[in-house]
PDB file of all heavy atoms in Angstrom:
ATOM      1  N   ASN A   1     -14.468  -3.968   1.989  1.00  0.00           N
ATOM      2  CA  ASN A   1     -13.098  -4.050   2.606  1.00  0.00           C
ATOM      3  C   ASN A   1     -12.065  -4.204   1.505  1.00  0.00           C
ATOM      4  O   ASN A   1     -11.193  -5.123   1.603  1.00  0.00           O
ATOM      5  CB  ASN A   1     -13.070  -5.230   3.591  1.00  0.00           C
ATOM      6  CG  ASN A   1     -13.810  -4.802   4.909  1.00  0.00           C
ATOM      7  OD1 ASN A   1     -13.962  -3.674   5.295  1.00  0.00           O
ATOM      8  ND2 ASN A   1     -14.311  -5.889   5.609  1.00  0.00           N
ATOM      9  N   THR A   2     -12.096  -3.358   0.542  1.00  0.00           N
ATOM     10  CA  THR A   2     -11.058  -3.366  -0.509  1.00  0.00           C
ATOM     11  C   THR A   2     -10.480  -1.920  -0.704  1.00  0.00           C
ATOM     12  O   THR A   2     -11.208  -0.952  -0.468  1.00  0.00           O
ATOM     13  CB  THR A   2     -11.630  -3.853  -1.905  1.00  0.00           C
ATOM     14  OG1 THR A   2     -12.765  -3.042  -2.268  1.00  0.00           O
ATOM     15  CG2 THR A   2     -12.177  -5.329  -1.737  1.00  0.00           C
ATOM     16  N   VAL A   3      -9.243  -1.917  -1.133  1.00  0.00           N
ATOM     17  CA  VAL A   3      -8.668  -0.616  -1.402  1.00  0.00           C
ATOM     18  C   VAL A   3      -7.594  -0.811  -2.473  1.00  0.00           C
ATOM     19  O   VAL A   3      -7.012  -1.830  -2.596  1.00  0.00           O
ATOM     20  CB  VAL A   3      -7.923  -0.047  -0.098  1.00  0.00           C
ATOM     21  CG1 VAL A   3      -6.845  -1.000   0.377  1.00  0.00           C
ATOM     22  CG2 VAL A   3      -7.414   1.372  -0.344  1.00  0.00           C
ATOM     23  N   SER A   4      -7.583   0.219  -3.337  1.00  0.00           N
ATOM     24  CA  SER A   4      -6.606   0.162  -4.513  1.00  0.00           C
ATOM     25  C   SER A   4      -5.798   1.419  -4.533  1.00  0.00           C
ATOM     26  O   SER A   4      -6.186   2.435  -3.923  1.00  0.00           O
ATOM     27  CB  SER A   4      -7.416   0.036  -5.777  1.00  0.00           C
ATOM     28  OG  SER A   4      -8.186  -1.193  -5.840  1.00  0.00           O
ATOM     29  N   LEU A   5      -4.679   1.313  -5.239  1.00  0.00           N
ATOM     30  CA  LEU A   5      -3.813   2.449  -5.489  1.00  0.00           C
ATOM     31  C   LEU A   5      -3.360   2.415  -6.954  1.00  0.00           C
ATOM     32  O   LEU A   5      -2.677   1.580  -7.313  1.00  0.00           O
ATOM     33  CB  LEU A   5      -2.601   2.393  -4.503  1.00  0.00           C
ATOM     34  CG  LEU A   5      -1.633   3.523  -4.605  1.00  0.00           C
ATOM     35  CD1 LEU A   5      -2.267   4.780  -3.996  1.00  0.00           C
ATOM     36  CD2 LEU A   5      -0.311   3.239  -3.862  1.00  0.00           C
ATOM     37  N   GLN A   6      -3.852   3.462  -7.673  1.00  0.00           N
ATOM     38  CA  GLN A   6      -3.443   3.678  -8.994  1.00  0.00           C
ATOM     39  C   GLN A   6      -2.288   4.526  -9.055  1.00  0.00           C
ATOM     40  O   GLN A   6      -2.210   5.647  -8.537  1.00  0.00           O
ATOM     41  CB  GLN A   6      -4.601   4.365  -9.780  1.00  0.00           C
ATOM     42  CG  GLN A   6      -4.225   4.632 -11.250  1.00  0.00           C
ATOM     43  CD  GLN A   6      -4.072   3.378 -12.105  1.00  0.00           C
ATOM     44  OE1 GLN A   6      -4.863   2.434 -11.975  1.00  0.00           O
ATOM     45  NE2 GLN A   6      -2.934   3.330 -12.883  1.00  0.00           N
ATOM     46  N   MET A   7      -1.211   4.062  -9.592  1.00  0.00           N
ATOM     47  CA  MET A   7       0.141   4.717  -9.609  1.00  0.00           C
ATOM     48  C   MET A   7       0.546   5.029 -11.052  1.00  0.00           C
ATOM     49  O   MET A   7       0.712   4.146 -11.892  1.00  0.00           O
ATOM     50  CB  MET A   7       1.217   3.899  -8.964  1.00  0.00           C
ATOM     51  CG  MET A   7       0.892   3.451  -7.575  1.00  0.00           C
ATOM     52  SD  MET A   7       2.238   2.554  -6.783  1.00  0.00           S
ATOM     53  CE  MET A   7       2.290   1.069  -7.774  1.00  0.00           C
ATOM     54  N   ASN A   8       0.609   6.271 -11.393  1.00  0.00           N
ATOM     55  CA  ASN A   8       0.924   6.767 -12.776  1.00  0.00           C
ATOM     56  C   ASN A   8       2.291   7.531 -12.660  1.00  0.00           C
ATOM     57  O   ASN A   8       2.682   7.967 -11.660  1.00  0.00           O
ATOM     58  CB  ASN A   8      -0.166   7.600 -13.305  1.00  0.00           C
ATOM     59  CG  ASN A   8      -1.506   6.916 -13.454  1.00  0.00           C
ATOM     60  OD1 ASN A   8      -1.571   5.772 -13.775  1.00  0.00           O
ATOM     61  ND2 ASN A   8      -2.570   7.682 -13.269  1.00  0.00           N
ATOM     62  N   SER A   9       2.900   7.688 -13.821  1.00  0.00           N
ATOM     63  CA  SER A   9       4.091   8.419 -13.979  1.00  0.00           C
ATOM     64  C   SER A   9       5.135   8.003 -12.951  1.00  0.00           C
ATOM     65  O   SER A   9       5.730   8.780 -12.237  1.00  0.00           O
ATOM     66  CB  SER A   9       3.849   9.929 -13.823  1.00  0.00           C
ATOM     67  OG  SER A   9       2.898  10.362 -14.802  1.00  0.00           O
ATOM     68  N   LEU A  10       5.308   6.631 -12.823  1.00  0.00           N
ATOM     69  CA  LEU A  10       6.194   6.121 -11.823  1.00  0.00           C
ATOM     70  C   LEU A  10       7.614   6.591 -12.100  1.00  0.00           C
ATOM     71  O   LEU A  10       8.102   6.652 -13.191  1.00  0.00           O
ATOM     72  CB  LEU A  10       6.055   4.594 -11.796  1.00  0.00           C
ATOM     73  CG  LEU A  10       4.842   4.043 -11.166  1.00  0.00           C
ATOM     74  CD1 LEU A  10       4.488   2.637 -11.556  1.00  0.00           C
ATOM     75  CD2 LEU A  10       4.901   4.226  -9.619  1.00  0.00           C
ATOM     76  N   LYS A  11       8.281   6.748 -10.939  1.00  0.00           N
ATOM     77  CA  LYS A  11       9.729   7.100 -10.926  1.00  0.00           C
ATOM     78  C   LYS A  11      10.513   6.020 -10.229  1.00  0.00           C
ATOM     79  O   LYS A  11      10.006   5.352  -9.409  1.00  0.00           O
ATOM     80  CB  LYS A  11       9.868   8.504 -10.197  1.00  0.00           C
ATOM     81  CG  LYS A  11       9.062   9.631 -10.730  1.00  0.00           C
ATOM     82  CD  LYS A  11       9.237  10.849  -9.819  1.00  0.00           C
ATOM     83  CE  LYS A  11       8.351  11.960 -10.306  1.00  0.00           C
ATOM     84  NZ  LYS A  11       8.515  13.173  -9.444  1.00  0.00           N
ATOM     85  N   PRO A  12      11.834   6.016 -10.525  1.00  0.00           N
ATOM     86  CA  PRO A  12      12.677   5.064  -9.816  1.00  0.00           C
ATOM     87  C   PRO A  12      12.577   5.260  -8.299  1.00  0.00           C
ATOM     88  O   PRO A  12      12.734   4.291  -7.527  1.00  0.00           O
ATOM     89  CB  PRO A  12      14.100   5.335 -10.409  1.00  0.00           C
ATOM     90  CG  PRO A  12      13.800   5.880 -11.711  1.00  0.00           C
ATOM     91  CD  PRO A  12      12.624   6.651 -11.703  1.00  0.00           C
ATOM     92  N   GLU A  13      12.400   6.425  -7.813  1.00  0.00           N
ATOM     93  CA  GLU A  13      12.325   6.733  -6.430  1.00  0.00           C
ATOM     94  C   GLU A  13      11.036   6.087  -5.758  1.00  0.00           C
ATOM     95  O   GLU A  13      10.972   6.051  -4.536  1.00  0.00           O
ATOM     96  CB  GLU A  13      12.254   8.263  -6.147  1.00  0.00           C
ATOM     97  CG  GLU A  13      13.470   8.997  -6.674  1.00  0.00           C
ATOM     98  CD  GLU A  13      13.443   9.308  -8.162  1.00  0.00           C
ATOM     99  OE1 GLU A  13      12.543  10.043  -8.547  1.00  0.00           O
ATOM    100  OE2 GLU A  13      14.310   8.716  -8.894  1.00  0.00           O
ATOM    101  N   ASP A  14      10.161   5.623  -6.593  1.00  0.00           N
ATOM    102  CA  ASP A  14       8.943   4.928  -6.098  1.00  0.00           C
ATOM    103  C   ASP A  14       9.200   3.479  -5.774  1.00  0.00           C
ATOM    104  O   ASP A  14       8.326   2.767  -5.221  1.00  0.00           O
ATOM    105  CB  ASP A  14       7.803   5.062  -7.074  1.00  0.00           C
ATOM    106  CG  ASP A  14       7.308   6.412  -7.316  1.00  0.00           C
ATOM    107  OD1 ASP A  14       7.184   7.207  -6.312  1.00  0.00           O
ATOM    108  OD2 ASP A  14       7.072   6.847  -8.448  1.00  0.00           O
ATOM    109  N   THR A  15      10.378   2.998  -6.089  1.00  0.00           N
ATOM    110  CA  THR A  15      10.758   1.594  -5.861  1.00  0.00           C
ATOM    111  C   THR A  15      10.706   1.336  -4.396  1.00  0.00           C
ATOM    112  O   THR A  15      11.353   1.971  -3.563  1.00  0.00           O
ATOM    113  CB  THR A  15      12.066   1.282  -6.439  1.00  0.00           C
ATOM    114  OG1 THR A  15      12.070   1.419  -7.828  1.00  0.00           O
ATOM    115  CG2 THR A  15      12.489  -0.216  -6.074  1.00  0.00           C
ATOM    116  N   ALA A  16       9.846   0.319  -3.960  1.00  0.00           N
ATOM    117  CA  ALA A  16       9.709  -0.009  -2.534  1.00  0.00           C
ATOM    118  C   ALA A  16       8.801  -1.173  -2.449  1.00  0.00           C
ATOM    119  O   ALA A  16       8.203  -1.701  -3.419  1.00  0.00           O
ATOM    120  CB  ALA A  16       9.154   1.112  -1.806  1.00  0.00           C
ATOM    121  N   VAL A  17       8.750  -1.712  -1.257  1.00  0.00           N
ATOM    122  CA  VAL A  17       7.642  -2.712  -0.886  1.00  0.00           C
ATOM    123  C   VAL A  17       6.466  -1.925  -0.400  1.00  0.00           C
ATOM    124  O   VAL A  17       6.580  -1.080   0.523  1.00  0.00           O
ATOM    125  CB  VAL A  17       8.187  -3.666   0.181  1.00  0.00           C
ATOM    126  CG1 VAL A  17       7.062  -4.650   0.518  1.00  0.00           C
ATOM    127  CG2 VAL A  17       9.323  -4.459  -0.346  1.00  0.00           C
ATOM    128  N   TYR A  18       5.331  -2.200  -1.047  1.00  0.00           N
ATOM    129  CA  TYR A  18       4.135  -1.438  -0.677  1.00  0.00           C
ATOM    130  C   TYR A  18       3.200  -2.375   0.122  1.00  0.00           C
ATOM    131  O   TYR A  18       2.999  -3.490  -0.237  1.00  0.00           O
ATOM    132  CB  TYR A  18       3.361  -1.007  -1.990  1.00  0.00           C
ATOM    133  CG  TYR A  18       4.020   0.176  -2.718  1.00  0.00           C
ATOM    134  CD1 TYR A  18       5.215   0.023  -3.341  1.00  0.00           C
ATOM    135  CD2 TYR A  18       3.388   1.456  -2.700  1.00  0.00           C
ATOM    136  CE1 TYR A  18       5.880   1.131  -3.947  1.00  0.00           C
ATOM    137  CE2 TYR A  18       3.966   2.472  -3.233  1.00  0.00           C
ATOM    138  CZ  TYR A  18       5.210   2.362  -3.862  1.00  0.00           C
ATOM    139  OH  TYR A  18       5.836   3.441  -4.497  1.00  0.00           O
ATOM    140  N   TYR A  19       2.672  -1.768   1.214  1.00  0.00           N
ATOM    141  CA  TYR A  19       1.882  -2.514   2.157  1.00  0.00           C
ATOM    142  C   TYR A  19       0.476  -1.898   2.277  1.00  0.00           C
ATOM    143  O   TYR A  19       0.348  -0.652   2.429  1.00  0.00           O
ATOM    144  CB  TYR A  19       2.501  -2.456   3.558  1.00  0.00           C
ATOM    145  CG  TYR A  19       3.875  -3.090   3.664  1.00  0.00           C
ATOM    146  CD1 TYR A  19       5.048  -2.374   3.473  1.00  0.00           C
ATOM    147  CD2 TYR A  19       3.924  -4.463   4.003  1.00  0.00           C
ATOM    148  CE1 TYR A  19       6.253  -2.987   3.507  1.00  0.00           C
ATOM    149  CE2 TYR A  19       5.215  -5.032   4.065  1.00  0.00           C
ATOM    150  CZ  TYR A  19       6.437  -4.326   3.829  1.00  0.00           C
ATOM    151  OH  TYR A  19       7.606  -4.916   3.922  1.00  0.00           O
ATOM    152  N   CYS A  20      -0.497  -2.716   2.216  1.00  0.00           N
ATOM    153  CA  CYS A  20      -1.907  -2.284   2.499  1.00  0.00           C
ATOM    154  C   CYS A  20      -2.158  -2.272   3.930  1.00  0.00           C
ATOM    155  O   CYS A  20      -1.659  -3.118   4.705  1.00  0.00           O
ATOM    156  CB  CYS A  20      -2.824  -3.364   1.871  1.00  0.00           C
ATOM    157  SG  CYS A  20      -4.563  -3.205   2.101  1.00  0.00           S
ATOM    158  N   ASN A  21      -2.960  -1.260   4.419  1.00  0.00           N
ATOM    159  CA  ASN A  21      -3.202  -1.136   5.827  1.00  0.00           C
ATOM    160  C   ASN A  21      -4.700  -0.818   6.033  1.00  0.00           C
ATOM    161  O   ASN A  21      -5.263   0.094   5.366  1.00  0.00           O
ATOM    162  CB  ASN A  21      -2.383   0.005   6.430  1.00  0.00           C
ATOM    163  CG  ASN A  21      -2.789   0.348   7.777  1.00  0.00           C
ATOM    164  OD1 ASN A  21      -3.514   1.306   7.987  1.00  0.00           O
ATOM    165  ND2 ASN A  21      -2.209  -0.327   8.748  1.00  0.00           N
ATOM    166  N   PHE A  22      -5.321  -1.457   7.011  1.00  0.00           N
ATOM    167  CA  PHE A  22      -6.631  -1.203   7.472  1.00  0.00           C
ATOM    168  C   PHE A  22      -6.593  -0.788   8.926  1.00  0.00           C
ATOM    169  O   PHE A  22      -5.980  -1.514   9.700  1.00  0.00           O
ATOM    170  CB  PHE A  22      -7.591  -2.408   7.295  1.00  0.00           C
ATOM    171  CG  PHE A  22      -8.040  -2.627   5.922  1.00  0.00           C
ATOM    172  CD1 PHE A  22      -7.222  -2.812   4.841  1.00  0.00           C
ATOM    173  CD2 PHE A  22      -9.433  -2.621   5.585  1.00  0.00           C
ATOM    174  CE1 PHE A  22      -7.703  -3.010   3.549  1.00  0.00           C
ATOM    175  CE2 PHE A  22      -9.938  -2.833   4.329  1.00  0.00           C
ATOM    176  CZ  PHE A  22      -9.056  -2.961   3.279  1.00  0.00           C
ATOM    177  N   ARG A  23      -7.243   0.333   9.285  1.00  0.00           N
ATOM    178  CA  ARG A  23      -7.140   0.837  10.607  1.00  0.00           C
ATOM    179  C   ARG A  23      -8.534   1.139  11.168  1.00  0.00           C
ATOM    180  O   ARG A  23      -9.262   1.845  10.664  1.00  0.00           O
ATOM    181  CB  ARG A  23      -6.319   2.140  10.598  1.00  0.00           C
ATOM    182  CG  ARG A  23      -6.159   2.754  11.999  1.00  0.00           C
ATOM    183  CD  ARG A  23      -5.161   3.882  11.938  1.00  0.00           C
ATOM    184  NE  ARG A  23      -3.820   3.434  11.591  1.00  0.00           N
ATOM    185  CZ  ARG A  23      -2.827   4.167  11.264  1.00  0.00           C
ATOM    186  NH1 ARG A  23      -3.006   5.444  11.104  1.00  0.00           N
ATOM    187  NH2 ARG A  23      -1.618   3.616  10.995  1.00  0.00           N
ATOM    188  N   GLN A  24      -8.789   0.550  12.356  1.00  0.00           N
ATOM    189  CA  GLN A  24      -9.960   0.837  13.173  1.00  0.00           C
ATOM    190  C   GLN A  24      -9.528   0.719  14.643  1.00  0.00           C
ATOM    191  O   GLN A  24      -9.968  -0.198  15.321  1.00  0.00           O
ATOM    192  CB  GLN A  24     -11.114  -0.094  12.798  1.00  0.00           C
ATOM    193  CG  GLN A  24     -12.435   0.325  13.333  1.00  0.00           C
ATOM    194  CD  GLN A  24     -13.562  -0.658  13.107  1.00  0.00           C
ATOM    195  OE1 GLN A  24     -13.491  -1.768  13.754  1.00  0.00           O
ATOM    196  NE2 GLN A  24     -14.497  -0.382  12.238  1.00  0.00           N
ATOM    197  N   GLY A  25      -8.775   1.631  15.029  1.00  0.00           N
ATOM    198  CA  GLY A  25      -8.102   1.526  16.368  1.00  0.00           C
ATOM    199  C   GLY A  25      -6.833   0.737  16.240  1.00  0.00           C
ATOM    200  O   GLY A  25      -5.755   1.251  16.521  1.00  0.00           O
ATOM    201  N   SER A  26      -6.979  -0.537  15.892  1.00  0.00           N
ATOM    202  CA  SER A  26      -5.844  -1.418  15.596  1.00  0.00           C
ATOM    203  C   SER A  26      -5.526  -1.348  14.125  1.00  0.00           C
ATOM    204  O   SER A  26      -6.345  -1.071  13.279  1.00  0.00           O
ATOM    205  CB  SER A  26      -6.181  -2.891  16.031  1.00  0.00           C
ATOM    206  OG  SER A  26      -6.418  -2.904  17.468  1.00  0.00           O
ATOM    207  N   ASP A  27      -4.225  -1.688  13.883  1.00  0.00           N
ATOM    208  CA  ASP A  27      -3.721  -1.805  12.519  1.00  0.00           C
ATOM    209  C   ASP A  27      -3.694  -3.233  12.010  1.00  0.00           C
ATOM    210  O   ASP A  27      -3.259  -4.141  12.703  1.00  0.00           O
ATOM    211  CB  ASP A  27      -2.381  -1.203  12.387  1.00  0.00           C
ATOM    212  CG  ASP A  27      -2.393   0.355  12.377  1.00  0.00           C
ATOM    213  OD1 ASP A  27      -3.422   0.921  11.967  1.00  0.00           O
ATOM    214  OD2 ASP A  27      -1.376   0.876  12.773  1.00  0.00           O
ATOM    215  N   TYR A  28      -4.112  -3.387  10.711  1.00  0.00           N
ATOM    216  CA  TYR A  28      -3.888  -4.638  10.049  1.00  0.00           C
ATOM    217  C   TYR A  28      -3.208  -4.476   8.831  1.00  0.00           C
ATOM    218  O   TYR A  28      -3.415  -3.470   8.069  1.00  0.00           O
ATOM    219  CB  TYR A  28      -5.308  -5.324   9.741  1.00  0.00           C
ATOM    220  CG  TYR A  28      -6.120  -5.595  10.967  1.00  0.00           C
ATOM    221  CD1 TYR A  28      -7.031  -4.675  11.412  1.00  0.00           C
ATOM    222  CD2 TYR A  28      -6.056  -6.812  11.696  1.00  0.00           C
ATOM    223  CE1 TYR A  28      -7.833  -4.871  12.568  1.00  0.00           C
ATOM    224  CE2 TYR A  28      -6.745  -7.007  12.817  1.00  0.00           C
ATOM    225  CZ  TYR A  28      -7.661  -6.091  13.271  1.00  0.00           C
ATOM    226  OH  TYR A  28      -8.445  -6.358  14.379  1.00  0.00           O
ATOM    227  N   TRP A  29      -2.238  -5.343   8.520  1.00  0.00           N
ATOM    228  CA  TRP A  29      -1.268  -5.106   7.372  1.00  0.00           C
ATOM    229  C   TRP A  29      -1.329  -6.315   6.425  1.00  0.00           C
ATOM    230  O   TRP A  29      -1.451  -7.435   6.773  1.00  0.00           O
ATOM    231  CB  TRP A  29       0.176  -5.021   7.943  1.00  0.00           C
ATOM    232  CG  TRP A  29       0.348  -3.799   8.787  1.00  0.00           C
ATOM    233  CD1 TRP A  29       0.283  -3.786  10.192  1.00  0.00           C
ATOM    234  CD2 TRP A  29       0.735  -2.474   8.365  1.00  0.00           C
ATOM    235  NE1 TRP A  29       0.603  -2.475  10.591  1.00  0.00           N
ATOM    236  CE2 TRP A  29       0.822  -1.705   9.502  1.00  0.00           C
ATOM    237  CE3 TRP A  29       1.048  -1.918   7.095  1.00  0.00           C
ATOM    238  CZ2 TRP A  29       1.213  -0.325   9.455  1.00  0.00           C
ATOM    239  CZ3 TRP A  29       1.386  -0.594   7.035  1.00  0.00           C
ATOM    240  CH2 TRP A  29       1.522   0.183   8.205  1.00  0.00           C
ATOM    241  N   GLY A  30      -1.032  -5.933   5.215  1.00  0.00           N
ATOM    242  CA  GLY A  30      -0.852  -6.950   4.200  1.00  0.00           C
ATOM    243  C   GLY A  30       0.591  -7.448   4.222  1.00  0.00           C
ATOM    244  O   GLY A  30       1.397  -6.881   5.019  1.00  0.00           O
ATOM    245  N   GLN A  31       0.874  -8.419   3.413  1.00  0.00           N
ATOM    246  CA  GLN A  31       2.264  -8.990   3.399  1.00  0.00           C
ATOM    247  C   GLN A  31       3.259  -8.154   2.682  1.00  0.00           C
ATOM    248  O   GLN A  31       4.481  -8.384   2.791  1.00  0.00           O
ATOM    249  CB  GLN A  31       2.184 -10.424   2.858  1.00  0.00           C
ATOM    250  CG  GLN A  31       2.191 -10.455   1.318  1.00  0.00           C
ATOM    251  CD  GLN A  31       0.818 -10.070   0.706  1.00  0.00           C
ATOM    252  OE1 GLN A  31      -0.204  -9.883   1.382  1.00  0.00           O
ATOM    253  NE2 GLN A  31       0.780  -9.962  -0.603  1.00  0.00           N
ATOM    254  N   GLY A  32       2.797  -7.242   1.936  1.00  0.00           N
ATOM    255  CA  GLY A  32       3.662  -6.350   1.109  1.00  0.00           C
ATOM    256  C   GLY A  32       3.849  -6.908  -0.319  1.00  0.00           C
ATOM    257  O   GLY A  32       3.887  -8.118  -0.577  1.00  0.00           O
ATOM    258  N   THR A  33       3.895  -6.008  -1.269  1.00  0.00           N
ATOM    259  CA  THR A  33       4.126  -6.349  -2.629  1.00  0.00           C
ATOM    260  C   THR A  33       5.189  -5.475  -3.203  1.00  0.00           C
ATOM    261  O   THR A  33       5.144  -4.221  -2.998  1.00  0.00           O
ATOM    262  CB  THR A  33       2.888  -6.284  -3.495  1.00  0.00           C
ATOM    263  OG1 THR A  33       3.063  -6.628  -4.818  1.00  0.00           O
ATOM    264  CG2 THR A  33       2.244  -4.817  -3.492  1.00  0.00           C
TER     265      THR A  33
END
């Protein structure tokens, strides 16, 4: 139950709060980073 996101060549347009999501019918969300 782990997931990662490798982000390369980042751009200013990538600026945001990023949320982790697990889905199995229902959605579960992280607090955001």
